Amino acid sequence: MPLQKNIYLLKEFIKTLVATEVVFPGVLPRGLGHEFSSSEIDAIYFGLKFIIPKAHPFQNRDMIDAFEQIDDPTMEIHWFLSDYWQTIVAILTSYPDLADDYLSHMN
């Protein structure tokens, strides 16, 4: 799976399962019956590992600590994003080229 897809999957996950309003223009929710696979959840978790360090270390300490406590992304990522999706959206909005930075970081 291309690495840039991890950030898109994160946006799609947020839109599908937790956000009721448009938070990422052009990102549509998944249709019913098209659940996220465990490999997609792992990709979302991997994308979050790159995004979380962009959070403010003091203002977002609760979110950072909660992310560090995730043992099983398949079981826990939904609850983490349910609690912190708005902060993740703010980070992604503050860093619009994050997917490009993510790719350059990985090469």
PDB file of N, CA and C in Angstrom:
ATOM      1  N   MET A   1       0.860  -1.183   0.000  1.00  0.00           N
ATOM      2  CA  MET A   1       0.000   0.000   0.000  1.00  0.00           C
ATOM      3  C   MET A   1       0.899   1.236   0.000  1.00  0.00           C
ATOM      4  N   PRO A   2       0.657   2.189  -0.911  1.00  0.00           N
ATOM      5  CA  PRO A   2       1.471   3.413  -0.921  1.00  0.00           C
ATOM      6  C   PRO A   2       1.346   4.168   0.401  1.00  0.00           C
ATOM      7  N   LEU A   3       2.458   4.735   0.851  1.00  0.00           N
ATOM      8  CA  LEU A   3       2.464   5.400   2.150  1.00  0.00           C
ATOM      9  C   LEU A   3       1.518   6.601   2.211  1.00  0.00           C
ATOM     10  N   GLN A   4       1.374   7.321   1.113  1.00  0.00           N
ATOM     11  CA  GLN A   4       0.482   8.481   1.112  1.00  0.00           C
ATOM     12  C   GLN A   4      -0.954   8.056   1.396  1.00  0.00           C
ATOM     13  N   LYS A   5      -1.281   6.842   1.067  1.00  0.00           N
ATOM     14  CA  LYS A   5      -2.631   6.332   1.293  1.00  0.00           C
ATOM     15  C   LYS A   5      -2.976   6.274   2.782  1.00  0.00           C
ATOM     16  N   ASN A   6      -1.970   6.127   3.666  1.00  0.00           N
ATOM     17  CA  ASN A   6      -2.231   6.064   5.108  1.00  0.00           C
ATOM     18  C   ASN A   6      -2.948   7.312   5.602  1.00  0.00           C
ATOM     19  N   ILE A   7      -2.498   8.475   5.143  1.00  0.00           N
ATOM     20  CA  ILE A   7      -3.126   9.733   5.568  1.00  0.00           C
ATOM     21  C   ILE A   7      -4.539   9.826   5.000  1.00  0.00           C
ATOM     22  N   TYR A   8      -4.718   9.407   3.741  1.00  0.00           N
ATOM     23  CA  TYR A   8      -6.052   9.425   3.161  1.00  0.00           C
ATOM     24  C   TYR A   8      -6.971   8.463   3.923  1.00  0.00           C
ATOM     25  N   LEU A   9      -6.472   7.277   4.247  1.00  0.00           N
ATOM     26  CA  LEU A   9      -7.284   6.320   5.009  1.00  0.00           C
ATOM     27  C   LEU A   9      -7.687   6.893   6.360  1.00  0.00           C
ATOM     28  N   LEU A  10      -6.782   7.600   7.006  1.00  0.00           N
ATOM     29  CA  LEU A  10      -7.103   8.249   8.277  1.00  0.00           C
ATOM     30  C   LEU A  10      -8.241   9.240   8.088  1.00  0.00           C
ATOM     31  N   LYS A  11      -8.151  10.060   7.065  1.00  0.00           N
ATOM     32  CA  LYS A  11      -9.214  11.032   6.786  1.00  0.00           C
ATOM     33  C   LYS A  11     -10.533  10.318   6.497  1.00  0.00           C
ATOM     34  N   GLU A  12     -10.467   9.256   5.713  1.00  0.00           N
ATOM     35  CA  GLU A  12     -11.671   8.499   5.378  1.00  0.00           C
ATOM     36  C   GLU A  12     -12.270   7.845   6.623  1.00  0.00           C
ATOM     37  N   PHE A  13     -11.432   7.316   7.489  1.00  0.00           N
ATOM     38  CA  PHE A  13     -11.885   6.700   8.739  1.00  0.00           C
ATOM     39  C   PHE A  13     -12.599   7.734   9.605  1.00  0.00           C
ATOM     40  N   ILE A  14     -11.970   8.898   9.759  1.00  0.00           N
ATOM     41  CA  ILE A  14     -12.589   9.962  10.560  1.00  0.00           C
ATOM     42  C   ILE A  14     -13.939  10.341   9.978  1.00  0.00           C
ATOM     43  N   LYS A  15     -14.003  10.536   8.678  1.00  0.00           N
ATOM     44  CA  LYS A  15     -15.261  10.944   8.048  1.00  0.00           C
ATOM     45  C   LYS A  15     -16.324   9.851   8.152  1.00  0.00           C
ATOM     46  N   THR A  16     -15.914   8.612   8.019  1.00  0.00           N
ATOM     47  CA  THR A  16     -16.875   7.507   8.029  1.00  0.00           C
ATOM     48  C   THR A  16     -17.416   7.209   9.420  1.00  0.00           C
ATOM     49  N   LEU A  17     -16.544   7.224  10.419  1.00  0.00           N
ATOM     50  CA  LEU A  17     -16.954   6.700  11.723  1.00  0.00           C
ATOM     51  C   LEU A  17     -17.142   7.724  12.838  1.00  0.00           C
ATOM     52  N   VAL A  18     -16.590   8.929  12.703  1.00  0.00           N
ATOM     53  CA  VAL A  18     -16.729   9.841  13.833  1.00  0.00           C
ATOM     54  C   VAL A  18     -17.207  11.246  13.486  1.00  0.00           C
ATOM     55  N   ALA A  19     -16.853  11.781  12.354  1.00  0.00           N
ATOM     56  CA  ALA A  19     -17.228  13.165  12.029  1.00  0.00           C
ATOM     57  C   ALA A  19     -18.580  13.195  11.322  1.00  0.00           C
ATOM     58  N   THR A  20     -19.440  14.038  11.789  1.00  0.00           N
ATOM     59  CA  THR A  20     -20.748  14.148  11.152  1.00  0.00           C
ATOM     60  C   THR A  20     -20.781  15.274  10.122  1.00  0.00           C
ATOM     61  N   GLU A  21     -19.834  16.197  10.215  1.00  0.00           N
ATOM     62  CA  GLU A  21     -19.793  17.298   9.256  1.00  0.00           C
ATOM     63  C   GLU A  21     -18.634  17.090   8.273  1.00  0.00           C
ATOM     64  N   VAL A  22     -18.581  17.934   7.259  1.00  0.00           N
ATOM     65  CA  VAL A  22     -17.489  17.875   6.288  1.00  0.00           C
ATOM     66  C   VAL A  22     -16.245  18.440   6.959  1.00  0.00           C
ATOM     67  N   VAL A  23     -15.228  17.612   7.121  1.00  0.00           N
ATOM     68  CA  VAL A  23     -13.982  18.064   7.734  1.00  0.00           C
ATOM     69  C   VAL A  23     -12.836  18.046   6.738  1.00  0.00           C
ATOM     70  N   PHE A  24     -12.954  17.202   5.722  1.00  0.00           N
ATOM     71  CA  PHE A  24     -11.953  17.125   4.661  1.00  0.00           C
ATOM     72  C   PHE A  24     -12.698  17.170   3.328  1.00  0.00           C
ATOM     73  N   PRO A  25     -12.735  18.336   2.679  1.00  0.00           N
ATOM     74  CA  PRO A  25     -13.429  18.420   1.395  1.00  0.00           C
ATOM     75  C   PRO A  25     -12.891  17.364   0.422  1.00  0.00           C
ATOM     76  N   GLY A  26     -13.810  16.683  -0.239  1.00  0.00           N
ATOM     77  CA  GLY A  26     -13.435  15.669  -1.211  1.00  0.00           C
ATOM     78  C   GLY A  26     -13.277  14.274  -0.633  1.00  0.00           C
ATOM     79  N   VAL A  27     -13.301  14.147   0.691  1.00  0.00           N
ATOM     80  CA  VAL A  27     -13.196  12.826   1.323  1.00  0.00           C
ATOM     81  C   VAL A  27     -14.604  12.399   1.709  1.00  0.00           C
ATOM     82  N   LEU A  28     -15.051  11.308   1.110  1.00  0.00           N
ATOM     83  CA  LEU A  28     -16.395  10.814   1.367  1.00  0.00           C
ATOM     84  C   LEU A  28     -16.351   9.642   2.340  1.00  0.00           C
ATOM     85  N   PRO A  29     -17.426   9.449   3.089  1.00  0.00           N
ATOM     86  CA  PRO A  29     -17.469   8.282   3.977  1.00  0.00           C
ATOM     87  C   PRO A  29     -17.624   7.001   3.164  1.00  0.00           C
ATOM     88  N   ARG A  30     -17.195   5.912   3.728  1.00  0.00           N
ATOM     89  CA  ARG A  30     -17.386   4.606   3.089  1.00  0.00           C
ATOM     90  C   ARG A  30     -18.845   4.217   3.162  1.00  0.00           C
ATOM     91  N   GLY A  31     -19.258   3.465   2.181  1.00  0.00           N
ATOM     92  CA  GLY A  31     -20.623   2.968   2.166  1.00  0.00           C
ATOM     93  C   GLY A  31     -20.811   1.841   3.164  1.00  0.00           C
ATOM     94  N   LEU A  32     -22.044   1.588   3.509  1.00  0.00           N
ATOM     95  CA  LEU A  32     -22.360   0.497   4.425  1.00  0.00           C
ATOM     96  C   LEU A  32     -21.869  -0.822   3.847  1.00  0.00           C
ATOM     97  N   GLY A  33     -21.344  -1.661   4.719  1.00  0.00           N
ATOM     98  CA  GLY A  33     -20.862  -2.967   4.296  1.00  0.00           C
ATOM     99  C   GLY A  33     -19.426  -2.979   3.807  1.00  0.00           C
ATOM    100  N   HIS A  34     -18.762  -1.837   3.851  1.00  0.00           N
ATOM    101  CA  HIS A  34     -17.365  -1.741   3.425  1.00  0.00           C
ATOM    102  C   HIS A  34     -16.513  -1.328   4.628  1.00  0.00           C
ATOM    103  N   GLU A  35     -16.342  -2.253   5.556  1.00  0.00           N
ATOM    104  CA  GLU A  35     -15.582  -1.971   6.767  1.00  0.00           C
ATOM    105  C   GLU A  35     -14.096  -1.811   6.447  1.00  0.00           C
ATOM    106  N   PHE A  36     -13.395  -1.182   7.358  1.00  0.00           N
ATOM    107  CA  PHE A  36     -11.951  -1.040   7.240  1.00  0.00           C
ATOM    108  C   PHE A  36     -11.306  -2.370   7.635  1.00  0.00           C
ATOM    109  N   SER A  37     -10.399  -2.847   6.801  1.00  0.00           N
ATOM    110  CA  SER A  37      -9.715  -4.108   7.088  1.00  0.00           C
ATOM    111  C   SER A  37      -8.649  -3.894   8.164  1.00  0.00           C
ATOM    112  N   SER A  38      -8.145  -4.987   8.714  1.00  0.00           N
ATOM    113  CA  SER A  38      -7.108  -4.858   9.733  1.00  0.00           C
ATOM    114  C   SER A  38      -5.834  -4.263   9.143  1.00  0.00           C
ATOM    115  N   SER A  39      -5.538  -4.536   7.889  1.00  0.00           N
ATOM    116  CA  SER A  39      -4.348  -3.916   7.279  1.00  0.00           C
ATOM    117  C   SER A  39      -4.556  -2.416   7.070  1.00  0.00           C
ATOM    118  N   GLU A  40      -5.780  -2.001   6.783  1.00  0.00           N
ATOM    119  CA  GLU A  40      -6.074  -0.569   6.666  1.00  0.00           C
ATOM    120  C   GLU A  40      -5.978   0.107   8.031  1.00  0.00           C
ATOM    121  N   ILE A  41      -6.457  -0.559   9.073  1.00  0.00           N
ATOM    122  CA  ILE A  41      -6.346  -0.013  10.429  1.00  0.00           C
ATOM    123  C   ILE A  41      -4.870   0.135  10.803  1.00  0.00           C
ATOM    124  N   ASP A  42      -4.063  -0.856  10.464  1.00  0.00           N
ATOM    125  CA  ASP A  42      -2.622  -0.756  10.720  1.00  0.00           C
ATOM    126  C   ASP A  42      -2.011   0.421   9.964  1.00  0.00           C
ATOM    127  N   ALA A  43      -2.446   0.638   8.735  1.00  0.00           N
ATOM    128  CA  ALA A  43      -1.945   1.769   7.945  1.00  0.00           C
ATOM    129  C   ALA A  43      -2.355   3.094   8.580  1.00  0.00           C
ATOM    130  N   ILE A  44      -3.573   3.176   9.084  1.00  0.00           N
ATOM    131  CA  ILE A  44      -4.050   4.376   9.771  1.00  0.00           C
ATOM    132  C   ILE A  44      -3.205   4.626  11.019  1.00  0.00           C
ATOM    133  N   TYR A  45      -2.955   3.582  11.772  1.00  0.00           N
ATOM    134  CA  TYR A  45      -2.122   3.696  12.978  1.00  0.00           C
ATOM    135  C   TYR A  45      -0.716   4.187  12.606  1.00  0.00           C
ATOM    136  N   PHE A  46      -0.146   3.633  11.546  1.00  0.00           N
ATOM    137  CA  PHE A  46       1.174   4.044  11.098  1.00  0.00           C
ATOM    138  C   PHE A  46       1.174   5.523  10.700  1.00  0.00           C
ATOM    139  N   GLY A  47       0.109   5.975  10.032  1.00  0.00           N
ATOM    140  CA  GLY A  47      -0.019   7.390   9.686  1.00  0.00           C
ATOM    141  C   GLY A  47      -0.114   8.262  10.933  1.00  0.00           C
ATOM    142  N   LEU A  48      -0.853   7.791  11.936  1.00  0.00           N
ATOM    143  CA  LEU A  48      -0.962   8.535  13.191  1.00  0.00           C
ATOM    144  C   LEU A  48       0.382   8.646  13.901  1.00  0.00           C
ATOM    145  N   LYS A  49       1.222   7.629  13.759  1.00  0.00           N
ATOM    146  CA  LYS A  49       2.550   7.679  14.388  1.00  0.00           C
ATOM    147  C   LYS A  49       3.375   8.837  13.824  1.00  0.00           C
ATOM    148  N   PHE A  50       3.082   9.248  12.610  1.00  0.00           N
ATOM    149  CA  PHE A  50       3.773  10.381  12.018  1.00  0.00           C
ATOM    150  C   PHE A  50       3.087  11.702  12.393  1.00  0.00           C
ATOM    151  N   ILE A  51       1.782  11.676  12.563  1.00  0.00           N
ATOM    152  CA  ILE A  51       1.008  12.894  12.838  1.00  0.00           C
ATOM    153  C   ILE A  51       1.094  13.319  14.304  1.00  0.00           C
ATOM    154  N   ILE A  52       1.021  12.384  15.217  1.00  0.00           N
ATOM    155  CA  ILE A  52       0.984  12.696  16.651  1.00  0.00           C
ATOM    156  C   ILE A  52       2.151  13.583  17.088  1.00  0.00           C
ATOM    157  N   PRO A  53       3.384  13.367  16.604  1.00  0.00           N
ATOM    158  CA  PRO A  53       4.473  14.257  17.023  1.00  0.00           C
ATOM    159  C   PRO A  53       4.283  15.717  16.591  1.00  0.00           C
ATOM    160  N   LYS A  54       3.377  15.970  15.664  1.00  0.00           N
ATOM    161  CA  LYS A  54       3.089  17.345  15.249  1.00  0.00           C
ATOM    162  C   LYS A  54       2.199  18.065  16.262  1.00  0.00           C
ATOM    163  N   ALA A  55       1.613  17.320  17.187  1.00  0.00           N
ATOM    164  CA  ALA A  55       0.724  17.909  18.199  1.00  0.00           C
ATOM    165  C   ALA A  55       1.532  18.762  19.173  1.00  0.00           C
ATOM    166  N   HIS A  56       0.868  19.738  19.743  1.00  0.00           N
ATOM    167  CA  HIS A  56       1.512  20.595  20.739  1.00  0.00           C
ATOM    168  C   HIS A  56       1.804  19.745  21.981  1.00  0.00           C
ATOM    169  N   PRO A  57       3.066  19.701  22.428  1.00  0.00           N
ATOM    170  CA  PRO A  57       3.431  18.787  23.515  1.00  0.00           C
ATOM    171  C   PRO A  57       2.760  19.061  24.849  1.00  0.00           C
ATOM    172  N   PHE A  58       2.290  20.286  25.071  1.00  0.00           N
ATOM    173  CA  PHE A  58       1.640  20.595  26.346  1.00  0.00           C
ATOM    174  C   PHE A  58       0.121  20.618  26.203  1.00  0.00           C
ATOM    175  N   GLN A  59      -0.381  21.324  25.192  1.00  0.00           N
ATOM    176  CA  GLN A  59      -1.828  21.422  25.006  1.00  0.00           C
ATOM    177  C   GLN A  59      -2.466  20.080  24.686  1.00  0.00           C
ATOM    178  N   ASN A  60      -1.756  19.222  23.995  1.00  0.00           N
ATOM    179  CA  ASN A  60      -2.308  17.945  23.554  1.00  0.00           C
ATOM    180  C   ASN A  60      -1.701  16.749  24.281  1.00  0.00           C
ATOM    181  N   ARG A  61      -1.214  16.966  25.489  1.00  0.00           N
ATOM    182  CA  ARG A  61      -0.559  15.913  26.261  1.00  0.00           C
ATOM    183  C   ARG A  61      -1.474  14.717  26.469  1.00  0.00           C
ATOM    184  N   ASP A  62      -2.769  14.940  26.740  1.00  0.00           N
ATOM    185  CA  ASP A  62      -3.700  13.829  26.945  1.00  0.00           C
ATOM    186  C   ASP A  62      -3.787  12.950  25.703  1.00  0.00           C
ATOM    187  N   MET A  63      -3.865  13.581  24.541  1.00  0.00           N
ATOM    188  CA  MET A  63      -3.954  12.827  23.293  1.00  0.00           C
ATOM    189  C   MET A  63      -2.663  12.038  23.047  1.00  0.00           C
ATOM    190  N   ILE A  64      -1.527  12.673  23.258  1.00  0.00           N
ATOM    191  CA  ILE A  64      -0.236  12.015  23.050  1.00  0.00           C
ATOM    192  C   ILE A  64      -0.109  10.810  23.977  1.00  0.00           C
ATOM    193  N   ASP A  65      -0.464  10.997  25.243  1.00  0.00           N
ATOM    194  CA  ASP A  65      -0.404   9.897  26.203  1.00  0.00           C
ATOM    195  C   ASP A  65      -1.361   8.766  25.822  1.00  0.00           C
ATOM    196  N   ALA A  66      -2.566   9.129  25.391  1.00  0.00           N
ATOM    197  CA  ALA A  66      -3.547   8.111  24.993  1.00  0.00           C
ATOM    198  C   ALA A  66      -3.047   7.322  23.786  1.00  0.00           C
ATOM    199  N   PHE A  67      -2.416   7.992  22.844  1.00  0.00           N
ATOM    200  CA  PHE A  67      -1.895   7.299  21.669  1.00  0.00           C
ATOM    201  C   PHE A  67      -0.789   6.323  22.068  1.00  0.00           C
ATOM    202  N   GLU A  68       0.048   6.733  22.980  1.00  0.00           N
ATOM    203  CA  GLU A  68       1.143   5.864  23.430  1.00  0.00           C
ATOM    204  C   GLU A  68       0.626   4.626  24.169  1.00  0.00           C
ATOM    205  N   GLN A  69      -0.598   4.670  24.657  1.00  0.00           N
ATOM    206  CA  GLN A  69      -1.191   3.549  25.392  1.00  0.00           C
ATOM    207  C   GLN A  69      -1.864   2.527  24.487  1.00  0.00           C
ATOM    208  N   ILE A  70      -1.960   2.809  23.186  1.00  0.00           N
ATOM    209  CA  ILE A  70      -2.624   1.886  22.268  1.00  0.00           C
ATOM    210  C   ILE A  70      -1.774   0.631  22.110  1.00  0.00           C
ATOM    211  N   ASP A  71      -2.340  -0.504  22.486  1.00  0.00           N
ATOM    212  CA  ASP A  71      -1.658  -1.788  22.345  1.00  0.00           C
ATOM    213  C   ASP A  71      -2.108  -2.524  21.089  1.00  0.00           C
ATOM    214  N   ASP A  72      -3.388  -2.450  20.801  1.00  0.00           N
ATOM    215  CA  ASP A  72      -3.958  -3.170  19.662  1.00  0.00           C
ATOM    216  C   ASP A  72      -4.743  -2.180  18.800  1.00  0.00           C
ATOM    217  N   PRO A  73      -4.114  -1.650  17.752  1.00  0.00           N
ATOM    218  CA  PRO A  73      -4.803  -0.651  16.923  1.00  0.00           C
ATOM    219  C   PRO A  73      -6.152  -1.127  16.391  1.00  0.00           C
ATOM    220  N   THR A  74      -6.252  -2.405  16.041  1.00  0.00           N
ATOM    221  CA  THR A  74      -7.502  -2.909  15.484  1.00  0.00           C
ATOM    222  C   THR A  74      -8.663  -2.737  16.457  1.00  0.00           C
ATOM    223  N   MET A  75      -8.362  -2.884  17.740  1.00  0.00           N
ATOM    224  CA  MET A  75      -9.424  -2.779  18.741  1.00  0.00           C
ATOM    225  C   MET A  75      -9.571  -1.373  19.320  1.00  0.00           C
ATOM    226  N   GLU A  76      -8.505  -0.578  19.302  1.00  0.00           N
ATOM    227  CA  GLU A  76      -8.510   0.678  20.053  1.00  0.00           C
ATOM    228  C   GLU A  76      -8.510   1.944  19.211  1.00  0.00           C
ATOM    229  N   ILE A  77      -8.197   1.870  17.937  1.00  0.00           N
ATOM    230  CA  ILE A  77      -8.047   3.087  17.132  1.00  0.00           C
ATOM    231  C   ILE A  77      -9.371   3.856  17.029  1.00  0.00           C
ATOM    232  N   HIS A  78     -10.485   3.137  16.965  1.00  0.00           N
ATOM    233  CA  HIS A  78     -11.784   3.811  16.881  1.00  0.00           C
ATOM    234  C   HIS A  78     -12.039   4.660  18.120  1.00  0.00           C
ATOM    235  N   TRP A  79     -11.735   4.112  19.292  1.00  0.00           N
ATOM    236  CA  TRP A  79     -11.981   4.855  20.531  1.00  0.00           C
ATOM    237  C   TRP A  79     -11.038   6.054  20.640  1.00  0.00           C
ATOM    238  N   PHE A  80      -9.800   5.861  20.239  1.00  0.00           N
ATOM    239  CA  PHE A  80      -8.843   6.964  20.260  1.00  0.00           C
ATOM    240  C   PHE A  80      -9.327   8.092  19.351  1.00  0.00           C
ATOM    241  N   LEU A  81      -9.717   7.754  18.126  1.00  0.00           N
ATOM    242  CA  LEU A  81     -10.165   8.792  17.196  1.00  0.00           C
ATOM    243  C   LEU A  81     -11.515   9.382  17.602  1.00  0.00           C
ATOM    244  N   SER A  82     -12.349   8.611  18.266  1.00  0.00           N
ATOM    245  CA  SER A  82     -13.611   9.164  18.767  1.00  0.00           C
ATOM    246  C   SER A  82     -13.349  10.291  19.761  1.00  0.00           C
ATOM    247  N   ASP A  83     -12.307  10.118  20.561  1.00  0.00           N
ATOM    248  CA  ASP A  83     -11.960  11.124  21.566  1.00  0.00           C
ATOM    249  C   ASP A  83     -11.166  12.301  21.001  1.00  0.00           C
ATOM    250  N   TYR A  84     -10.319  12.058  20.017  1.00  0.00           N
ATOM    251  CA  TYR A  84      -9.352  13.077  19.597  1.00  0.00           C
ATOM    252  C   TYR A  84      -9.428  13.454  18.115  1.00  0.00           C
ATOM    253  N   TRP A  85     -10.502  13.094  17.424  1.00  0.00           N
ATOM    254  CA  TRP A  85     -10.561  13.361  15.995  1.00  0.00           C
ATOM    255  C   TRP A  85     -10.471  14.848  15.676  1.00  0.00           C
ATOM    256  N   GLN A  86     -11.054  15.698  16.502  1.00  0.00           N
ATOM    257  CA  GLN A  86     -11.025  17.128  16.210  1.00  0.00           C
ATOM    258  C   GLN A  86      -9.603  17.677  16.283  1.00  0.00           C
ATOM    259  N   THR A  87      -8.808  17.188  17.206  1.00  0.00           N
ATOM    260  CA  THR A  87      -7.416  17.610  17.303  1.00  0.00           C
ATOM    261  C   THR A  87      -6.628  17.104  16.100  1.00  0.00           C
ATOM    262  N   ILE A  88      -6.886  15.870  15.690  1.00  0.00           N
ATOM    263  CA  ILE A  88      -6.213  15.309  14.510  1.00  0.00           C
ATOM    264  C   ILE A  88      -6.585  16.119  13.266  1.00  0.00           C
ATOM    265  N   VAL A  89      -7.858  16.476  13.130  1.00  0.00           N
ATOM    266  CA  VAL A  89      -8.289  17.306  11.995  1.00  0.00           C
ATOM    267  C   VAL A  89      -7.559  18.642  12.022  1.00  0.00           C
ATOM    268  N   ALA A  90      -7.436  19.251  13.193  1.00  0.00           N
ATOM    269  CA  ALA A  90      -6.728  20.534  13.303  1.00  0.00           C
ATOM    270  C   ALA A  90      -5.267  20.388  12.880  1.00  0.00           C
ATOM    271  N   ILE A  91      -4.624  19.303  13.271  1.00  0.00           N
ATOM    272  CA  ILE A  91      -3.232  19.083  12.869  1.00  0.00           C
ATOM    273  C   ILE A  91      -3.137  18.905  11.359  1.00  0.00           C
ATOM    274  N   LEU A  92      -4.008  18.083  10.804  1.00  0.00           N
ATOM    275  CA  LEU A  92      -3.984  17.855   9.355  1.00  0.00           C
ATOM    276  C   LEU A  92      -4.290  19.133   8.578  1.00  0.00           C
ATOM    277  N   THR A  93      -5.138  19.984   9.135  1.00  0.00           N
ATOM    278  CA  THR A  93      -5.460  21.264   8.494  1.00  0.00           C
ATOM    279  C   THR A  93      -4.288  22.235   8.614  1.00  0.00           C
ATOM    280  N   SER A  94      -3.588  22.190   9.736  1.00  0.00           N
ATOM    281  CA  SER A  94      -2.440  23.071   9.949  1.00  0.00           C
ATOM    282  C   SER A  94      -1.250  22.685   9.075  1.00  0.00           C
ATOM    283  N   TYR A  95      -1.192  21.429   8.703  1.00  0.00           N
ATOM    284  CA  TYR A  95      -0.093  20.907   7.878  1.00  0.00           C
ATOM    285  C   TYR A  95      -0.682  20.300   6.603  1.00  0.00           C
ATOM    286  N   PRO A  96      -1.130  21.148   5.658  1.00  0.00           N
ATOM    287  CA  PRO A  96      -1.800  20.614   4.471  1.00  0.00           C
ATOM    288  C   PRO A  96      -0.906  19.749   3.591  1.00  0.00           C
ATOM    289  N   ASP A  97       0.404  19.905   3.676  1.00  0.00           N
ATOM    290  CA  ASP A  97       1.316  19.095   2.867  1.00  0.00           C
ATOM    291  C   ASP A  97       1.884  17.933   3.658  1.00  0.00           C
ATOM    292  N   LEU A  98       1.193  17.540   4.699  1.00  0.00           N
ATOM    293  CA  LEU A  98       1.692  16.490   5.578  1.00  0.00           C
ATOM    294  C   LEU A  98       1.918  15.180   4.833  1.00  0.00           C
ATOM    295  N   ALA A  99       1.042  14.845   3.905  1.00  0.00           N
ATOM    296  CA  ALA A  99       1.209  13.590   3.164  1.00  0.00           C
ATOM    297  C   ALA A  99       2.494  13.641   2.351  1.00  0.00           C
ATOM    298  N   ASP A 100       2.826  14.790   1.773  1.00  0.00           N
ATOM    299  CA  ASP A 100       4.075  14.917   1.019  1.00  0.00           C
ATOM    300  C   ASP A 100       5.274  14.856   1.956  1.00  0.00           C
ATOM    301  N   ASP A 101       5.176  15.516   3.123  1.00  0.00           N
ATOM    302  CA  ASP A 101       6.249  15.458   4.116  1.00  0.00           C
ATOM    303  C   ASP A 101       6.425  14.024   4.608  1.00  0.00           C
ATOM    304  N   TYR A 102       5.313  13.333   4.750  1.00  0.00           N
ATOM    305  CA  TYR A 102       5.320  11.958   5.207  1.00  0.00           C
ATOM    306  C   TYR A 102       6.106  11.082   4.237  1.00  0.00           C
ATOM    307  N   LEU A 103       5.849  11.274   2.939  1.00  0.00           N
ATOM    308  CA  LEU A 103       6.561  10.500   1.931  1.00  0.00           C
ATOM    309  C   LEU A 103       8.044  10.809   1.932  1.00  0.00           C
ATOM    310  N   SER A 104       8.402  12.092   2.020  1.00  0.00           N
ATOM    311  CA  SER A 104       9.819  12.445   1.991  1.00  0.00           C
ATOM    312  C   SER A 104      10.527  11.946   3.245  1.00  0.00           C
ATOM    313  N   HIS A 105       9.812  11.911   4.359  1.00  0.00           N
ATOM    314  CA  HIS A 105      10.372  11.411   5.611  1.00  0.00           C
ATOM    315  C   HIS A 105      10.687   9.918   5.508  1.00  0.00           C
ATOM    316  N   MET A 106       9.852   9.185   4.777  1.00  0.00           N
ATOM    317  CA  MET A 106       9.996   7.739   4.689  1.00  0.00           C
ATOM    318  C   MET A 106      11.077   7.326   3.693  1.00  0.00           C
ATOM    319  N   ASN A 107      11.478   8.210   2.779  1.00  0.00           N
ATOM    320  CA  ASN A 107      12.492   7.854   1.759  1.00  0.00           C
ATOM    321  C   ASN A 107      13.883   8.141   2.244  1.00  0.00           C
TER     322      ASN A 107
END
